[in-house]
Amino acid sequence: MGILIKPIITEKANNDSELNNRYTFQVEKNVNKVQIKEAVESAYGVKVLKVRTINVRSDRRMRYTKAGIQFGKSNAIKKAIIQLAEGESIDLYANA
């Protein structure tokens, strides 16, 4: 699997991409900012100015069932927010 897993498309991420030219991706947990920058530049052919990373912790849940209390959690992920150079853009909705 590659460094970039998938782009994150939410209202907040779309607003950030339209106003500030920043795009958000879910990335592998063990990669650093230099590797993320190289992966985005090679995949989309753009110039990256800045990379910010966020480790998102897992969500813990508790359910009350007939069998008793069930505990569970979602997977932890790592996000990368990519700041592109002025005039550059990424089309995340292209069918290519």
N, C-alpha and C. Protein backbone atom coordinates (compact mmCIF):
# COMPACT_ATOMS: atom_id res chain seq x y z
N MET A 1 0.84 -1.17 0.00
CA MET A 1 0.00 0.00 0.00
C MET A 1 0.89 1.24 0.00
N GLY A 2 0.43 2.30 -0.66
CA GLY A 2 1.22 3.51 -0.77
C GLY A 2 1.14 4.36 0.48
N ILE A 3 1.83 5.47 0.43
CA ILE A 3 1.87 6.39 1.56
C ILE A 3 0.51 7.08 1.73
N LEU A 4 -0.06 7.55 0.63
CA LEU A 4 -1.36 8.21 0.67
C LEU A 4 -2.46 7.15 0.61
N ILE A 5 -3.31 7.08 1.61
CA ILE A 5 -4.40 6.11 1.62
C ILE A 5 -5.60 6.65 0.86
N LYS A 6 -6.10 7.83 1.27
CA LYS A 6 -7.25 8.43 0.59
C LYS A 6 -7.35 9.90 0.98
N PRO A 7 -7.95 10.71 0.11
CA PRO A 7 -8.21 12.09 0.52
C PRO A 7 -9.40 12.14 1.48
N ILE A 8 -9.37 13.09 2.39
CA ILE A 8 -10.47 13.27 3.33
C ILE A 8 -11.35 14.39 2.80
N ILE A 9 -12.60 14.04 2.50
CA ILE A 9 -13.52 14.99 1.90
C ILE A 9 -14.65 15.23 2.90
N THR A 10 -14.53 16.31 3.64
CA THR A 10 -15.56 16.74 4.58
C THR A 10 -15.83 18.21 4.32
N GLU A 11 -16.82 18.76 5.00
CA GLU A 11 -17.11 20.19 4.83
C GLU A 11 -15.93 21.04 5.25
N LYS A 12 -15.33 20.69 6.35
CA LYS A 12 -14.20 21.46 6.86
C LYS A 12 -13.00 21.37 5.91
N ALA A 13 -12.71 20.18 5.40
CA ALA A 13 -11.59 20.01 4.48
C ALA A 13 -11.85 20.71 3.15
N ASN A 14 -13.08 20.66 2.63
CA ASN A 14 -13.41 21.35 1.39
C ASN A 14 -13.30 22.85 1.55
N ASN A 15 -13.76 23.38 2.67
CA ASN A 15 -13.66 24.81 2.93
C ASN A 15 -12.19 25.24 3.01
N ASP A 16 -11.37 24.42 3.65
CA ASP A 16 -9.94 24.71 3.76
C ASP A 16 -9.26 24.70 2.40
N SER A 17 -9.68 23.78 1.52
CA SER A 17 -9.06 23.70 0.19
C SER A 17 -9.48 24.88 -0.68
N GLU A 18 -10.72 25.34 -0.55
CA GLU A 18 -11.19 26.47 -1.35
C GLU A 18 -10.60 27.79 -0.89
N LEU A 19 -10.52 28.00 0.42
CA LEU A 19 -10.07 29.29 0.94
C LEU A 19 -8.56 29.39 1.11
N ASN A 20 -7.92 28.33 1.58
CA ASN A 20 -6.50 28.40 1.96
C ASN A 20 -5.58 27.53 1.12
N ASN A 21 -6.11 26.84 0.11
CA ASN A 21 -5.32 25.98 -0.77
C ASN A 21 -4.62 24.87 0.03
N ARG A 22 -5.36 24.28 0.99
CA ARG A 22 -4.86 23.17 1.80
C ARG A 22 -5.73 21.95 1.57
N TYR A 23 -5.11 20.81 1.42
CA TYR A 23 -5.82 19.55 1.17
C TYR A 23 -5.46 18.55 2.25
N THR A 24 -6.44 17.72 2.62
CA THR A 24 -6.26 16.77 3.71
C THR A 24 -6.29 15.35 3.17
N PHE A 25 -5.33 14.54 3.62
CA PHE A 25 -5.23 13.14 3.21
C PHE A 25 -5.07 12.26 4.44
N GLN A 26 -5.58 11.03 4.32
CA GLN A 26 -5.26 10.01 5.32
C GLN A 26 -4.01 9.31 4.84
N VAL A 27 -3.01 9.18 5.72
CA VAL A 27 -1.72 8.60 5.33
C VAL A 27 -1.38 7.43 6.26
N GLU A 28 -0.36 6.68 5.87
CA GLU A 28 0.13 5.59 6.72
C GLU A 28 0.66 6.15 8.03
N LYS A 29 0.58 5.37 9.09
CA LYS A 29 0.94 5.87 10.42
C LYS A 29 2.44 6.07 10.60
N ASN A 30 3.26 5.34 9.87
CA ASN A 30 4.70 5.35 10.13
C ASN A 30 5.50 6.22 9.17
N VAL A 31 4.86 7.09 8.40
CA VAL A 31 5.60 7.94 7.45
C VAL A 31 5.83 9.32 8.05
N ASN A 32 6.88 10.00 7.55
CA ASN A 32 7.17 11.34 8.05
C ASN A 32 6.78 12.39 7.02
N LYS A 33 6.99 13.66 7.36
CA LYS A 33 6.53 14.76 6.52
C LYS A 33 7.26 14.81 5.18
N VAL A 34 8.52 14.46 5.16
CA VAL A 34 9.29 14.48 3.91
C VAL A 34 8.74 13.43 2.93
N GLN A 35 8.44 12.25 3.43
CA GLN A 35 7.89 11.19 2.59
C GLN A 35 6.50 11.58 2.07
N ILE A 36 5.69 12.22 2.90
CA ILE A 36 4.36 12.65 2.49
C ILE A 36 4.47 13.70 1.39
N LYS A 37 5.38 14.65 1.56
CA LYS A 37 5.58 15.71 0.57
C LYS A 37 5.98 15.12 -0.78
N GLU A 38 6.92 14.18 -0.78
CA GLU A 38 7.36 13.55 -2.03
C GLU A 38 6.24 12.76 -2.68
N ALA A 39 5.42 12.09 -1.87
CA ALA A 39 4.32 11.28 -2.42
C ALA A 39 3.26 12.16 -3.08
N VAL A 40 2.91 13.29 -2.45
CA VAL A 40 1.91 14.19 -3.03
C VAL A 40 2.44 14.84 -4.30
N GLU A 41 3.69 15.28 -4.28
CA GLU A 41 4.27 15.91 -5.46
C GLU A 41 4.35 14.95 -6.63
N SER A 42 4.68 13.69 -6.38
CA SER A 42 4.78 12.73 -7.49
C SER A 42 3.40 12.27 -7.97
N ALA A 43 2.44 12.15 -7.04
CA ALA A 43 1.11 11.65 -7.42
C ALA A 43 0.30 12.70 -8.17
N TYR A 44 0.39 13.97 -7.76
CA TYR A 44 -0.47 15.00 -8.33
C TYR A 44 0.28 16.04 -9.16
N GLY A 45 1.61 16.02 -9.16
CA GLY A 45 2.39 16.95 -9.95
C GLY A 45 2.25 18.40 -9.50
N VAL A 46 2.25 18.64 -8.20
CA VAL A 46 2.10 19.99 -7.65
C VAL A 46 3.30 20.30 -6.75
N LYS A 47 3.45 21.57 -6.38
CA LYS A 47 4.52 22.01 -5.48
C LYS A 47 3.94 22.17 -4.08
N VAL A 48 4.48 21.44 -3.12
CA VAL A 48 4.01 21.46 -1.73
C VAL A 48 4.88 22.41 -0.92
N LEU A 49 4.25 23.35 -0.22
CA LEU A 49 4.98 24.28 0.64
C LEU A 49 5.14 23.76 2.05
N LYS A 50 4.07 23.20 2.62
CA LYS A 50 4.09 22.82 4.02
C LYS A 50 3.26 21.56 4.22
N VAL A 51 3.69 20.72 5.15
CA VAL A 51 2.95 19.51 5.52
C VAL A 51 2.76 19.53 7.03
N ARG A 52 1.50 19.41 7.46
CA ARG A 52 1.18 19.28 8.88
C ARG A 52 0.54 17.92 9.10
N THR A 53 0.91 17.23 10.16
CA THR A 53 0.37 15.91 10.43
C THR A 53 -0.38 15.90 11.76
N ILE A 54 -1.39 15.02 11.83
CA ILE A 54 -2.22 14.87 13.02
C ILE A 54 -2.42 13.37 13.26
N ASN A 55 -2.09 12.92 14.46
CA ASN A 55 -2.42 11.55 14.85
C ASN A 55 -3.78 11.58 15.54
N VAL A 56 -4.77 10.94 14.93
CA VAL A 56 -6.13 10.93 15.47
C VAL A 56 -6.31 9.65 16.27
N ARG A 57 -6.63 9.81 17.54
CA ARG A 57 -6.78 8.63 18.40
C ARG A 57 -8.06 7.87 18.06
N SER A 58 -8.12 6.64 18.52
CA SER A 58 -9.29 5.82 18.24
C SER A 58 -10.46 6.26 19.11
N ASP A 59 -11.66 6.04 18.60
CA ASP A 59 -12.89 6.37 19.32
C ASP A 59 -13.31 5.15 20.14
N ARG A 60 -13.50 5.31 21.42
CA ARG A 60 -13.93 4.19 22.26
C ARG A 60 -15.44 4.25 22.45
N ARG A 61 -16.07 3.07 22.36
CA ARG A 61 -17.52 3.00 22.49
C ARG A 61 -17.89 1.91 23.50
N MET A 62 -19.08 2.09 24.09
CA MET A 62 -19.59 1.11 25.04
C MET A 62 -21.06 0.89 24.72
N ARG A 63 -21.46 -0.37 24.54
CA ARG A 63 -22.84 -0.70 24.25
C ARG A 63 -23.40 -1.60 25.34
N TYR A 64 -24.66 -1.35 25.66
CA TYR A 64 -25.35 -2.17 26.65
C TYR A 64 -26.23 -3.16 25.89
N THR A 65 -25.95 -4.45 26.00
CA THR A 65 -26.70 -5.48 25.30
C THR A 65 -27.24 -6.50 26.31
N LYS A 66 -27.98 -7.48 25.79
CA LYS A 66 -28.49 -8.55 26.65
C LYS A 66 -27.35 -9.34 27.29
N ALA A 67 -26.26 -9.49 26.55
CA ALA A 67 -25.13 -10.27 27.05
C ALA A 67 -24.27 -9.48 28.03
N GLY A 68 -24.54 -8.21 28.19
CA GLY A 68 -23.76 -7.38 29.10
C GLY A 68 -23.17 -6.18 28.38
N ILE A 69 -22.21 -5.56 28.98
CA ILE A 69 -21.57 -4.38 28.40
C ILE A 69 -20.53 -4.83 27.38
N GLN A 70 -20.62 -4.29 26.18
CA GLN A 70 -19.67 -4.59 25.11
C GLN A 70 -18.80 -3.36 24.87
N PHE A 71 -17.49 -3.54 24.89
CA PHE A 71 -16.56 -2.46 24.62
C PHE A 71 -15.99 -2.61 23.22
N GLY A 72 -15.75 -1.48 22.56
CA GLY A 72 -15.15 -1.51 21.24
C GLY A 72 -14.46 -0.20 20.95
N LYS A 73 -13.71 -0.17 19.86
CA LYS A 73 -13.05 1.06 19.46
C LYS A 73 -12.83 1.06 17.96
N SER A 74 -12.72 2.27 17.38
CA SER A 74 -12.43 2.40 15.97
C SER A 74 -10.91 2.45 15.79
N ASN A 75 -10.46 2.42 14.56
CA ASN A 75 -9.04 2.44 14.28
C ASN A 75 -8.48 3.85 14.42
N ALA A 76 -7.25 3.96 14.90
CA ALA A 76 -6.55 5.23 14.94
C ALA A 76 -5.97 5.50 13.55
N ILE A 77 -5.99 6.77 13.12
CA ILE A 77 -5.47 7.12 11.80
C ILE A 77 -4.51 8.30 11.92
N LYS A 78 -3.81 8.55 10.84
CA LYS A 78 -2.94 9.72 10.76
C LYS A 78 -3.40 10.55 9.57
N LYS A 79 -3.58 11.86 9.80
CA LYS A 79 -3.98 12.78 8.74
C LYS A 79 -2.80 13.67 8.39
N ALA A 80 -2.76 14.10 7.13
CA ALA A 80 -1.77 15.07 6.70
C ALA A 80 -2.50 16.22 6.00
N ILE A 81 -2.21 17.44 6.42
CA ILE A 81 -2.78 18.62 5.79
C ILE A 81 -1.67 19.24 4.94
N ILE A 82 -1.93 19.31 3.63
CA ILE A 82 -0.93 19.72 2.65
C ILE A 82 -1.21 21.15 2.22
N GLN A 83 -0.24 22.04 2.37
CA GLN A 83 -0.35 23.43 1.89
C GLN A 83 0.36 23.49 0.54
N LEU A 84 -0.38 23.89 -0.51
CA LEU A 84 0.19 23.97 -1.85
C LEU A 84 0.67 25.38 -2.15
N ALA A 85 1.54 25.49 -3.15
CA ALA A 85 2.03 26.79 -3.59
C ALA A 85 0.90 27.56 -4.25
N GLU A 86 1.06 28.87 -4.32
CA GLU A 86 0.05 29.75 -4.91
C GLU A 86 -0.16 29.38 -6.38
N GLY A 87 -1.41 29.24 -6.78
CA GLY A 87 -1.74 28.90 -8.16
C GLY A 87 -1.84 27.40 -8.44
N GLU A 88 -1.43 26.57 -7.50
CA GLU A 88 -1.51 25.11 -7.65
C GLU A 88 -2.85 24.64 -7.09
N SER A 89 -3.36 23.53 -7.62
CA SER A 89 -4.58 22.93 -7.08
C SER A 89 -4.60 21.45 -7.41
N ILE A 90 -5.40 20.72 -6.64
CA ILE A 90 -5.60 19.29 -6.85
C ILE A 90 -7.07 19.07 -7.10
N ASP A 91 -7.40 18.36 -8.18
CA ASP A 91 -8.80 18.04 -8.47
C ASP A 91 -9.09 16.66 -7.91
N LEU A 92 -9.73 16.64 -6.74
CA LEU A 92 -10.03 15.36 -6.08
C LEU A 92 -11.25 14.67 -6.68
N TYR A 93 -12.03 15.38 -7.48
CA TYR A 93 -13.26 14.82 -8.03
C TYR A 93 -13.11 14.35 -9.47
N ALA A 94 -11.90 14.33 -10.01
CA ALA A 94 -11.69 13.87 -11.37
C ALA A 94 -11.89 12.35 -11.44
N ASN A 95 -12.33 11.87 -12.57
CA ASN A 95 -12.60 10.44 -12.73
C ASN A 95 -11.36 9.67 -13.15
N ALA A 96 -10.21 10.30 -13.17
CA ALA A 96 -8.98 9.63 -13.61
C ALA A 96 -8.38 8.77 -12.54
